């Protein structure tokens, strides 16, 4: 009886998804595995370890399983391609410029909503390329570029993304 209860507890721990957040070292090596539903946030975290103190400028799927992530500081912009299987980062472009961040950039929020935006985007815009643009000032909404259209993203109380027309042209 005790052995059966012990085996059930061990099996439950092995089957259950990890509850811890992803953690990376300064070189971008994965220390703690990401949660399955937070792949995009983990890819952004890897990109940010390559440019310390940076914030996300844009995120898009370059090809299946590979994201193209642009991160920037006040003086530098780096674009990485990051594999979703092993989280290896490949530098695509590096630009030293004073306009790397959007004008007036003040804050950097959680990047977990990217996964929700991508899954909703697949439903609403099948076969379209989505580029996710995070808010960079308090009170701003997430935005998504679908082709040449720029849409705002809002979330309902269950965390499902909804798309609307952007006031920014």
Protein backbone atom coordinates (compact mmCIF):
# COMPACT_ATOMS: atom_id res chain seq x y z
CA UNK A 1 0.00 0.00 0.00
CA UNK A 2 2.74 2.47 0.97
CA UNK A 3 4.76 1.53 -2.11
CA UNK A 4 1.75 2.12 -4.38
CA UNK A 5 1.08 5.55 -2.85
CA UNK A 6 4.76 6.50 -3.18
CA UNK A 7 4.85 5.39 -6.85
CA UNK A 8 1.67 7.40 -7.58
CA UNK A 9 3.22 10.56 -6.11
CA UNK A 10 6.49 10.09 -8.05
CA UNK A 11 4.58 9.41 -11.29
CA UNK A 12 2.43 12.52 -10.79
CA UNK A 13 5.55 14.65 -10.35
CA UNK A 14 7.13 13.24 -13.48
CA UNK A 15 4.00 13.74 -15.61
CA UNK A 16 3.04 17.20 -14.30
CA UNK A 17 4.35 20.18 -16.27
CA UNK A 18 7.09 22.20 -14.58
CA UNK A 19 5.73 25.06 -12.50
CA UNK A 20 8.95 27.04 -12.41
CA UNK A 21 9.64 29.84 -14.83
CA UNK A 22 12.44 29.63 -17.35
CA UNK A 23 15.86 30.79 -16.19
CA UNK A 24 18.91 31.58 -18.34
CA UNK A 25 22.50 32.51 -17.68
CA UNK A 26 24.26 35.56 -19.20
CA UNK A 27 25.32 33.51 -22.26
CA UNK A 28 21.70 32.51 -22.92
CA UNK A 29 22.05 28.86 -21.93
CA UNK A 30 18.85 27.37 -20.56
CA UNK A 31 19.13 26.53 -16.86
CA UNK A 32 15.48 25.68 -16.10
CA UNK A 33 13.23 24.40 -18.88
CA UNK A 34 10.40 26.71 -19.96
CA UNK A 35 6.77 25.88 -19.52
CA UNK A 36 5.31 24.45 -22.71
CA UNK A 37 2.86 27.31 -23.13
CA UNK A 38 5.54 30.00 -22.75
CA UNK A 39 7.87 29.22 -25.66
CA UNK A 40 7.84 32.77 -27.07
CA UNK A 41 8.61 34.33 -23.69
CA UNK A 42 11.53 31.90 -23.31
CA UNK A 43 12.87 32.85 -26.76
CA UNK A 44 12.69 36.54 -25.82
CA UNK A 45 14.52 35.79 -22.57
CA UNK A 46 17.32 34.09 -24.51
CA UNK A 47 17.60 37.10 -26.86
CA UNK A 48 17.71 39.52 -23.93
CA UNK A 49 20.55 37.64 -22.24
CA UNK A 50 22.59 38.38 -25.38
CA UNK A 51 21.98 42.13 -25.00
CA UNK A 52 21.91 42.81 -21.27
CA UNK A 53 19.38 45.41 -20.09
CA UNK A 54 17.44 45.32 -23.35
CA UNK A 55 13.73 45.31 -24.12
CA UNK A 56 11.79 43.55 -26.85
CA UNK A 57 11.16 45.57 -30.01
CA UNK A 58 9.45 42.88 -32.10
CA UNK A 59 8.82 39.15 -32.31
CA UNK A 60 7.82 37.12 -35.35
CA UNK A 61 8.03 33.55 -36.57
CA UNK A 62 10.76 33.42 -39.23
CA UNK A 63 10.05 29.80 -40.19
CA UNK A 64 8.47 26.85 -38.35
CA UNK A 65 10.19 26.43 -35.00
CA UNK A 66 12.38 29.53 -35.36
CA UNK A 67 11.51 33.02 -34.11
CA UNK A 68 13.14 36.26 -35.20
CA UNK A 69 13.46 38.44 -32.09
CA UNK A 70 14.59 42.08 -32.14
CA UNK A 71 15.83 43.47 -28.81
CA UNK A 72 17.35 46.87 -28.13
CA UNK A 73 18.95 49.15 -25.60
CA UNK A 74 19.12 52.93 -25.97
CA UNK A 75 22.14 52.63 -28.27
CA UNK A 76 22.04 49.20 -29.87
CA UNK A 77 19.64 46.88 -31.72
CA UNK A 78 20.23 43.16 -32.19
CA UNK A 79 18.11 40.73 -34.19
CA UNK A 80 18.37 37.04 -33.32
CA UNK A 81 16.87 33.86 -34.72
CA UNK A 82 16.07 31.50 -31.86
CA UNK A 83 15.17 27.84 -32.24
CA UNK A 84 12.18 26.72 -30.14
CA UNK A 85 13.62 23.21 -29.69
CA UNK A 86 17.02 23.95 -28.14
CA UNK A 87 16.84 27.76 -27.65
CA UNK A 88 20.06 28.35 -29.58
CA UNK A 89 20.45 31.97 -30.67
CA UNK A 90 21.98 33.06 -33.98
CA UNK A 91 22.79 36.75 -34.44
CA UNK A 92 21.21 38.01 -37.68
CA UNK A 93 21.90 41.74 -37.42
CA UNK A 94 23.52 44.20 -35.04
CA UNK A 95 23.08 47.95 -35.38
CA UNK A 96 24.54 50.68 -33.18
CA UNK A 97 22.12 53.59 -33.29
CA UNK A 98 20.56 56.15 -30.99
CA UNK A 99 17.07 55.26 -32.30
CA UNK A 100 17.17 51.55 -31.41
CA UNK A 101 14.22 51.80 -29.00
CA UNK A 102 10.84 53.35 -29.87
CA UNK A 103 10.64 57.05 -28.98
CA UNK A 104 9.66 57.55 -25.36
CA UNK A 105 10.26 53.92 -24.33
CA UNK A 106 9.91 53.68 -20.55
CA UNK A 107 8.82 50.22 -19.45
CA UNK A 108 9.11 46.59 -20.33
CA UNK A 109 6.28 44.20 -19.40
CA UNK A 110 5.98 40.42 -19.22
CA UNK A 111 6.36 38.72 -22.57
CA UNK A 112 4.11 35.75 -21.75
CA UNK A 113 1.17 37.22 -23.79
CA UNK A 114 3.09 36.66 -27.04
CA UNK A 115 2.05 33.00 -27.05
CA UNK A 116 -1.62 33.95 -26.60
CA UNK A 117 -1.37 36.50 -29.43
CA UNK A 118 0.25 33.98 -31.78
CA UNK A 119 -2.35 31.28 -31.08
CA UNK A 120 -5.25 33.71 -31.59
CA UNK A 121 -3.55 35.07 -34.71
CA UNK A 122 -3.40 31.60 -36.24
CA UNK A 123 -7.18 31.35 -35.85
CA UNK A 124 -8.10 34.85 -37.08
CA UNK A 125 -5.41 35.21 -39.76
CA UNK A 126 -4.50 31.75 -41.08
CA UNK A 127 -1.40 31.67 -43.29
CA UNK A 128 -0.59 35.32 -42.51
CA UNK A 129 2.72 36.46 -41.06
CA UNK A 130 2.30 38.05 -37.63
CA UNK A 131 4.77 40.42 -36.00
CA UNK A 132 4.12 41.13 -32.32
CA UNK A 133 5.04 44.57 -30.96
CA UNK A 134 4.96 44.92 -27.15
CA UNK A 135 3.85 48.08 -25.34
CA UNK A 136 6.77 50.33 -24.50
CA UNK A 137 4.95 52.93 -22.39
CA UNK A 138 2.44 52.60 -19.52
CA UNK A 139 -1.14 52.37 -20.76
CA UNK A 140 -0.21 51.30 -24.29
CA UNK A 141 -1.69 48.14 -25.79
CA UNK A 142 0.08 45.22 -27.40
CA UNK A 143 0.08 45.60 -31.19
CA UNK A 144 0.35 43.12 -34.04
CA UNK A 145 1.37 43.76 -37.63
CA UNK A 146 -0.49 41.49 -40.06
CA UNK A 147 0.83 42.20 -43.53
CA UNK A 148 0.67 45.98 -43.80
CA UNK A 149 -2.10 46.41 -41.20
CA UNK A 150 -1.29 47.36 -37.62
CA UNK A 151 -3.82 46.02 -35.10
CA UNK A 152 -4.18 46.55 -31.35
CA UNK A 153 -4.49 43.52 -29.12
CA UNK A 154 -6.66 43.30 -26.03
CA UNK A 155 -7.17 40.35 -23.71
CA UNK A 156 -10.40 39.11 -22.16
CA UNK A 157 -10.62 37.92 -18.54
CA UNK A 158 -9.48 34.41 -19.61
CA UNK A 159 -6.36 35.74 -21.35
CA UNK A 160 -7.63 35.19 -24.90
CA UNK A 161 -6.31 37.77 -27.38
CA UNK A 162 -8.72 39.89 -29.45
CA UNK A 163 -7.69 42.08 -32.37
CA UNK A 164 -8.94 45.57 -33.18
CA UNK A 165 -8.02 48.43 -35.49
CA UNK A 166 -5.08 50.52 -34.35
CA UNK A 167 -5.39 54.27 -33.94
CA UNK A 168 -1.70 54.56 -34.85
CA UNK A 169 -1.06 54.88 -38.58
